[in-house]
């Protein structure tokens, strides 16, 4: 059976966000631009998350970060120590993913947490994922590539790698950054460490924690 190409809409289309919201509500995977790289996103339900993991050929234990429009969307779900709050205040919206302790791990799908008691969160500096999160609540988004390959920086690259798995792609042209977000874990006591290097330099992370 031939593969069906997903619908591609320019982000300038006034109906693009509406179509993306409907596709994600129906359990579909949507290609989403951010300021760093293109991602593929779903509403964080088990079946949709499983489809993303299959599309990326990614181990489930890696987990998938949630993109949010504001910390109020996860209020009471995670522990936000003073250093974590400082990083959020200084670096969000932007290319920082914070991995924070969960207050109620049982409330979050295992595919999101990777079986850990922490949750990755980011407020991106791009209106598209924030608008989707505003409409749908936190959305599970991971880079648009197969596991171990370079992330997509254009919609064409996204289509060439994971296109057949998608319901819809929002095309915003080449991304601004091209480098993945920096991932920083901050525990409940405020100790922090960089889990993945990315756009933000370690010096910038340290300065944000210390200066507040």
C-alpha atoms as a PDB file:
ATOM      1  CA  UNK A   1       0.000   0.000   0.000  1.00  0.00           C
ATOM      2  CA  UNK A   2       1.551   3.352  -1.010  1.00  0.00           C
ATOM      3  CA  UNK A   3       2.502   5.787   1.726  1.00  0.00           C
ATOM      4  CA  UNK A   4       0.293   8.850   2.038  1.00  0.00           C
ATOM      5  CA  UNK A   5       2.097  12.177   2.291  1.00  0.00           C
ATOM      6  CA  UNK A   6       0.910  14.468   5.078  1.00  0.00           C
ATOM      7  CA  UNK A   7      -0.830  17.755   4.425  1.00  0.00           C
ATOM      8  CA  UNK A   8       1.608  20.688   4.475  1.00  0.00           C
ATOM      9  CA  UNK A   9       0.386  24.133   5.503  1.00  0.00           C
ATOM     10  CA  UNK A  10       2.370  27.339   5.701  1.00  0.00           C
ATOM     11  CA  UNK A  11       2.285  28.895   9.159  1.00  0.00           C
ATOM     12  CA  UNK A  12       1.081  32.085   7.470  1.00  0.00           C
ATOM     13  CA  UNK A  13      -2.164  30.280   6.579  1.00  0.00           C
ATOM     14  CA  UNK A  14      -4.790  31.713   8.967  1.00  0.00           C
ATOM     15  CA  UNK A  15      -6.305  28.244   9.425  1.00  0.00           C
ATOM     16  CA  UNK A  16      -3.005  26.404  10.019  1.00  0.00           C
ATOM     17  CA  UNK A  17      -3.209  26.328  13.816  1.00  0.00           C
ATOM     18  CA  UNK A  18      -6.851  25.236  13.753  1.00  0.00           C
ATOM     19  CA  UNK A  19      -6.015  22.330  11.448  1.00  0.00           C
ATOM     20  CA  UNK A  20      -3.038  21.370  13.641  1.00  0.00           C
ATOM     21  CA  UNK A  21      -5.144  21.433  16.809  1.00  0.00           C
ATOM     22  CA  UNK A  22      -7.790  19.223  15.207  1.00  0.00           C
ATOM     23  CA  UNK A  23      -5.179  16.776  13.918  1.00  0.00           C
ATOM     24  CA  UNK A  24      -3.529  16.492  17.326  1.00  0.00           C
ATOM     25  CA  UNK A  25      -6.854  16.157  19.136  1.00  0.00           C
ATOM     26  CA  UNK A  26      -7.581  13.222  16.813  1.00  0.00           C
ATOM     27  CA  UNK A  27      -4.319  11.562  17.868  1.00  0.00           C
ATOM     28  CA  UNK A  28      -2.248  12.561  14.846  1.00  0.00           C
ATOM     29  CA  UNK A  29       1.413  13.573  14.772  1.00  0.00           C
ATOM     30  CA  UNK A  30       2.102  17.111  13.551  1.00  0.00           C
ATOM     31  CA  UNK A  31       5.385  18.533  12.288  1.00  0.00           C
ATOM     32  CA  UNK A  32       6.050  21.740  14.219  1.00  0.00           C
ATOM     33  CA  UNK A  33       8.640  24.501  13.796  1.00  0.00           C
ATOM     34  CA  UNK A  34      10.472  25.860  16.821  1.00  0.00           C
ATOM     35  CA  UNK A  35      13.281  28.399  17.097  1.00  0.00           C
ATOM     36  CA  UNK A  36      15.844  25.593  17.361  1.00  0.00           C
ATOM     37  CA  UNK A  37      14.850  22.688  15.077  1.00  0.00           C
ATOM     38  CA  UNK A  38      11.666  21.190  13.665  1.00  0.00           C
ATOM     39  CA  UNK A  39       9.836  18.847  15.972  1.00  0.00           C
ATOM     40  CA  UNK A  40       7.035  16.319  15.801  1.00  0.00           C
ATOM     41  CA  UNK A  41       4.333  16.782  18.378  1.00  0.00           C
ATOM     42  CA  UNK A  42       1.289  15.070  19.827  1.00  0.00           C
ATOM     43  CA  UNK A  43      -1.146  15.451  22.653  1.00  0.00           C
ATOM     44  CA  UNK A  44       0.548  13.344  25.374  1.00  0.00           C
ATOM     45  CA  UNK A  45      -1.741  10.328  25.281  1.00  0.00           C
ATOM     46  CA  UNK A  46      -0.341   6.764  25.254  1.00  0.00           C
ATOM     47  CA  UNK A  47      -1.335   5.814  21.685  1.00  0.00           C
ATOM     48  CA  UNK A  48      -0.080   9.053  20.145  1.00  0.00           C
ATOM     49  CA  UNK A  49       3.150   8.878  22.133  1.00  0.00           C
ATOM     50  CA  UNK A  50       3.693   5.300  20.979  1.00  0.00           C
ATOM     51  CA  UNK A  51       3.272   6.459  17.369  1.00  0.00           C
ATOM     52  CA  UNK A  52       5.960   9.124  17.857  1.00  0.00           C
ATOM     53  CA  UNK A  53       8.354   6.578  19.335  1.00  0.00           C
ATOM     54  CA  UNK A  54       7.762   4.285  16.342  1.00  0.00           C
ATOM     55  CA  UNK A  55       8.278   7.138  13.878  1.00  0.00           C
ATOM     56  CA  UNK A  56      11.602   8.093  15.460  1.00  0.00           C
ATOM     57  CA  UNK A  57      12.685   4.495  16.104  1.00  0.00           C
ATOM     58  CA  UNK A  58      13.526   5.785  19.548  1.00  0.00           C
ATOM     59  CA  UNK A  59      13.907   3.877  22.831  1.00  0.00           C
ATOM     60  CA  UNK A  60      10.959   4.605  25.110  1.00  0.00           C
ATOM     61  CA  UNK A  61      13.242   5.123  28.108  1.00  0.00           C
ATOM     62  CA  UNK A  62      14.557   8.380  26.627  1.00  0.00           C
ATOM     63  CA  UNK A  63      11.308  10.186  27.364  1.00  0.00           C
ATOM     64  CA  UNK A  64       9.782  13.138  25.500  1.00  0.00           C
ATOM     65  CA  UNK A  65       9.782  16.744  26.686  1.00  0.00           C
ATOM     66  CA  UNK A  66       6.613  18.794  26.997  1.00  0.00           C
ATOM     67  CA  UNK A  67       6.379  22.209  25.372  1.00  0.00           C
ATOM     68  CA  UNK A  68       4.249  24.639  27.342  1.00  0.00           C
ATOM     69  CA  UNK A  69       3.010  28.198  27.044  1.00  0.00           C
ATOM     70  CA  UNK A  70       3.585  29.037  30.700  1.00  0.00           C
ATOM     71  CA  UNK A  71       4.508  27.444  34.011  1.00  0.00           C
ATOM     72  CA  UNK A  72       0.899  27.721  35.101  1.00  0.00           C
ATOM     73  CA  UNK A  73       0.202  24.771  32.792  1.00  0.00           C
ATOM     74  CA  UNK A  74       2.259  22.465  35.025  1.00  0.00           C
ATOM     75  CA  UNK A  75       1.543  24.195  38.334  1.00  0.00           C
ATOM     76  CA  UNK A  76       1.729  21.652  41.149  1.00  0.00           C
ATOM     77  CA  UNK A  77       3.065  18.922  38.838  1.00  0.00           C
ATOM     78  CA  UNK A  78       6.797  19.630  39.211  1.00  0.00           C
ATOM     79  CA  UNK A  79       9.119  20.877  41.942  1.00  0.00           C
ATOM     80  CA  UNK A  80      10.527  24.277  41.015  1.00  0.00           C
ATOM     81  CA  UNK A  81      13.528  25.088  43.217  1.00  0.00           C
ATOM     82  CA  UNK A  82      15.039  28.575  43.306  1.00  0.00           C
ATOM     83  CA  UNK A  83      17.792  27.727  40.764  1.00  0.00           C
ATOM     84  CA  UNK A  84      15.170  26.222  38.439  1.00  0.00           C
ATOM     85  CA  UNK A  85      13.017  29.326  38.804  1.00  0.00           C
ATOM     86  CA  UNK A  86      16.014  31.526  37.998  1.00  0.00           C
ATOM     87  CA  UNK A  87      16.786  29.517  34.869  1.00  0.00           C
ATOM     88  CA  UNK A  88      13.168  29.696  33.767  1.00  0.00           C
ATOM     89  CA  UNK A  89      12.996  33.438  34.378  1.00  0.00           C
ATOM     90  CA  UNK A  90      16.259  34.142  32.537  1.00  0.00           C
ATOM     91  CA  UNK A  91      16.098  31.626  29.673  1.00  0.00           C
ATOM     92  CA  UNK A  92      12.410  31.192  28.825  1.00  0.00           C
ATOM     93  CA  UNK A  93      11.045  31.585  26.253  1.00  0.00           C
ATOM     94  CA  UNK A  94      14.125  30.074  24.657  1.00  0.00           C
ATOM     95  CA  UNK A  95      16.321  27.059  23.890  1.00  0.00           C
ATOM     96  CA  UNK A  96      16.440  25.596  27.400  1.00  0.00           C
ATOM     97  CA  UNK A  97      14.785  22.328  28.434  1.00  0.00           C
ATOM     98  CA  UNK A  98      14.477  21.973  32.200  1.00  0.00           C
ATOM     99  CA  UNK A  99      14.244  18.476  33.679  1.00  0.00           C
ATOM    100  CA  UNK A 100      12.482  18.794  37.016  1.00  0.00           C
ATOM    101  CA  UNK A 101      11.295  16.398  39.744  1.00  0.00           C
ATOM    102  CA  UNK A 102       7.686  15.314  39.444  1.00  0.00           C
ATOM    103  CA  UNK A 103       5.389  15.630  42.399  1.00  0.00           C
ATOM    104  CA  UNK A 104       3.064  12.964  40.985  1.00  0.00           C
ATOM    105  CA  UNK A 105       4.916  10.692  38.518  1.00  0.00           C
ATOM    106  CA  UNK A 106       1.877   8.444  38.257  1.00  0.00           C
ATOM    107  CA  UNK A 107      -0.040  11.225  36.505  1.00  0.00           C
ATOM    108  CA  UNK A 108       2.358  11.423  33.548  1.00  0.00           C
ATOM    109  CA  UNK A 109       2.614   8.758  30.801  1.00  0.00           C
ATOM    110  CA  UNK A 110       5.746   6.588  30.970  1.00  0.00           C
ATOM    111  CA  UNK A 111       6.562   7.497  27.361  1.00  0.00           C
ATOM    112  CA  UNK A 112       6.949  11.127  28.492  1.00  0.00           C
ATOM    113  CA  UNK A 113       9.045  10.449  31.586  1.00  0.00           C
ATOM    114  CA  UNK A 114      10.986   7.479  30.247  1.00  0.00           C
ATOM    115  CA  UNK A 115      10.055   5.725  33.482  1.00  0.00           C
ATOM    116  CA  UNK A 116      11.814   8.317  35.638  1.00  0.00           C
ATOM    117  CA  UNK A 117      10.339  10.608  38.285  1.00  0.00           C
ATOM    118  CA  UNK A 118      11.313  13.732  36.338  1.00  0.00           C
ATOM    119  CA  UNK A 119       9.770  15.719  33.512  1.00  0.00           C
ATOM    120  CA  UNK A 120      11.393  17.738  30.719  1.00  0.00           C
ATOM    121  CA  UNK A 121       9.765  21.111  30.046  1.00  0.00           C
ATOM    122  CA  UNK A 122      10.391  24.002  27.681  1.00  0.00           C
ATOM    123  CA  UNK A 123       8.733  27.283  26.741  1.00  0.00           C
ATOM    124  CA  UNK A 124       9.961  27.780  23.167  1.00  0.00           C
ATOM    125  CA  UNK A 125      10.655  31.161  21.636  1.00  0.00           C
ATOM    126  CA  UNK A 126       8.311  30.469  18.733  1.00  0.00           C
ATOM    127  CA  UNK A 127       4.661  31.352  18.447  1.00  0.00           C
ATOM    128  CA  UNK A 128       3.507  28.121  16.757  1.00  0.00           C
ATOM    129  CA  UNK A 129       4.208  25.574  19.528  1.00  0.00           C
ATOM    130  CA  UNK A 130       3.145  28.084  22.157  1.00  0.00           C
ATOM    131  CA  UNK A 131      -0.171  28.661  20.386  1.00  0.00           C
ATOM    132  CA  UNK A 132      -0.693  24.908  20.159  1.00  0.00           C
ATOM    133  CA  UNK A 133       0.096  24.494  23.862  1.00  0.00           C
ATOM    134  CA  UNK A 134      -2.241  27.362  24.652  1.00  0.00           C
ATOM    135  CA  UNK A 135      -5.046  25.555  22.834  1.00  0.00           C
ATOM    136  CA  UNK A 136      -4.282  21.954  23.807  1.00  0.00           C
ATOM    137  CA  UNK A 137      -2.351  22.156  27.061  1.00  0.00           C
ATOM    138  CA  UNK A 138       1.219  20.815  27.272  1.00  0.00           C
ATOM    139  CA  UNK A 139       2.229  19.040  24.061  1.00  0.00           C
ATOM    140  CA  UNK A 140       4.824  16.274  23.757  1.00  0.00           C
ATOM    141  CA  UNK A 141       7.414  17.330  21.168  1.00  0.00           C
ATOM    142  CA  UNK A 142      10.661  15.704  20.096  1.00  0.00           C
ATOM    143  CA  UNK A 143      13.062  16.586  17.294  1.00  0.00           C
ATOM    144  CA  UNK A 144      11.891  15.597  13.808  1.00  0.00           C
ATOM    145  CA  UNK A 145      14.418  12.921  12.947  1.00  0.00           C
ATOM    146  CA  UNK A 146      15.047   9.249  13.469  1.00  0.00           C
ATOM    147  CA  UNK A 147      16.942   8.495  16.638  1.00  0.00           C
ATOM    148  CA  UNK A 148      20.661   9.156  16.201  1.00  0.00           C
ATOM    149  CA  UNK A 149      20.292  11.237  13.034  1.00  0.00           C
ATOM    150  CA  UNK A 150      20.672  15.001  12.651  1.00  0.00           C
ATOM    151  CA  UNK A 151      17.522  16.992  13.499  1.00  0.00           C
ATOM    152  CA  UNK A 152      15.517  18.630  10.705  1.00  0.00           C
ATOM    153  CA  UNK A 153      15.949  22.373  10.202  1.00  0.00           C
ATOM    154  CA  UNK A 154      13.482  22.661   7.297  1.00  0.00           C
ATOM    155  CA  UNK A 155      10.076  21.175   6.577  1.00  0.00           C
ATOM    156  CA  UNK A 156      11.576  19.369   3.571  1.00  0.00           C
ATOM    157  CA  UNK A 157      14.103  17.575   5.790  1.00  0.00           C
ATOM    158  CA  UNK A 158      11.313  16.657   8.194  1.00  0.00           C
ATOM    159  CA  UNK A 159       9.236  15.196   5.368  1.00  0.00           C
ATOM    160  CA  UNK A 160      12.190  13.221   4.054  1.00  0.00           C
ATOM    161  CA  UNK A 161      12.759  11.460   7.378  1.00  0.00           C
ATOM    162  CA  UNK A 162       9.482  11.018   9.261  1.00  0.00           C
ATOM    163  CA  UNK A 163       6.959  12.402   6.762  1.00  0.00           C
ATOM    164  CA  UNK A 164       4.906   9.231   6.205  1.00  0.00           C
ATOM    165  CA  UNK A 165       4.130   9.021   9.934  1.00  0.00           C
ATOM    166  CA  UNK A 166       2.644  12.518  10.106  1.00  0.00           C
ATOM    167  CA  UNK A 167      -0.897  13.809   9.730  1.00  0.00           C
ATOM    168  CA  UNK A 168       0.117  17.419   9.089  1.00  0.00           C
ATOM    169  CA  UNK A 169       3.200  19.618   8.755  1.00  0.00           C
ATOM    170  CA  UNK A 170       3.360  23.324   9.591  1.00  0.00           C
ATOM    171  CA  UNK A 171       5.993  24.874   7.331  1.00  0.00           C
ATOM    172  CA  UNK A 172       7.646  28.016   8.688  1.00  0.00           C
ATOM    173  CA  UNK A 173      10.697  27.947   6.421  1.00  0.00           C
ATOM    174  CA  UNK A 174      14.216  27.297   7.760  1.00  0.00           C
ATOM    175  CA  UNK A 175      14.479  27.501  11.545  1.00  0.00           C
ATOM    176  CA  UNK A 176      16.361  30.377  13.139  1.00  0.00           C
ATOM    177  CA  UNK A 177      18.751  28.336  15.254  1.00  0.00           C
ATOM    178  CA  UNK A 178      19.484  24.895  13.877  1.00  0.00           C
ATOM    179  CA  UNK A 179      20.921  23.638  17.180  1.00  0.00           C
ATOM    180  CA  UNK A 180      18.896  21.680  19.729  1.00  0.00           C
ATOM    181  CA  UNK A 181      18.007  23.114  23.135  1.00  0.00           C
ATOM    182  CA  UNK A 182      20.337  22.777  26.098  1.00  0.00           C
ATOM    183  CA  UNK A 183      18.946  20.273  28.614  1.00  0.00           C
ATOM    184  CA  UNK A 184      19.515  21.001  32.309  1.00  0.00           C
ATOM    185  CA  UNK A 185      18.335  18.853  35.217  1.00  0.00           C
ATOM    186  CA  UNK A 186      17.607  20.623  38.504  1.00  0.00           C
ATOM    187  CA  UNK A 187      16.700  18.507  41.518  1.00  0.00           C
ATOM    188  CA  UNK A 188      14.461  19.460  44.421  1.00  0.00           C
ATOM    189  CA  UNK A 189      17.424  20.755  46.427  1.00  0.00           C
ATOM    190  CA  UNK A 190      18.514  23.040  43.596  1.00  0.00           C
ATOM    191  CA  UNK A 191      21.554  21.057  42.393  1.00  0.00           C
ATOM    192  CA  UNK A 192      21.854  21.290  38.629  1.00  0.00           C
ATOM    193  CA  UNK A 193      23.736  19.592  35.829  1.00  0.00           C
ATOM    194  CA  UNK A 194      23.746  19.770  32.050  1.00  0.00           C
ATOM    195  CA  UNK A 195      22.373  16.604  30.468  1.00  0.00           C
ATOM    196  CA  UNK A 196      22.766  17.710  26.846  1.00  0.00           C
ATOM    197  CA  UNK A 197      24.753  20.568  25.405  1.00  0.00           C
ATOM    198  CA  UNK A 198      22.895  22.746  22.958  1.00  0.00           C
ATOM    199  CA  UNK A 199      22.268  26.355  22.037  1.00  0.00           C
ATOM    200  CA  UNK A 200      22.925  27.804  25.491  1.00  0.00           C
ATOM    201  CA  UNK A 201      26.534  27.695  26.650  1.00  0.00           C
ATOM    202  CA  UNK A 202      27.366  26.254  30.100  1.00  0.00           C
ATOM    203  CA  UNK A 203      28.610  29.702  31.169  1.00  0.00           C
ATOM    204  CA  UNK A 204      25.201  31.188  30.389  1.00  0.00           C
ATOM    205  CA  UNK A 205      23.485  28.509  32.455  1.00  0.00           C
ATOM    206  CA  UNK A 206      25.795  29.079  35.425  1.00  0.00           C
ATOM    207  CA  UNK A 207      25.348  32.850  35.211  1.00  0.00           C
ATOM    208  CA  UNK A 208      21.552  32.505  35.156  1.00  0.00           C
ATOM    209  CA  UNK A 209      21.587  30.300  38.254  1.00  0.00           C
ATOM    210  CA  UNK A 210      23.961  32.523  40.189  1.00  0.00           C
ATOM    211  CA  UNK A 211      22.665  35.935  39.195  1.00  0.00           C
ATOM    212  CA  UNK A 212      18.971  35.196  39.195  1.00  0.00           C
END
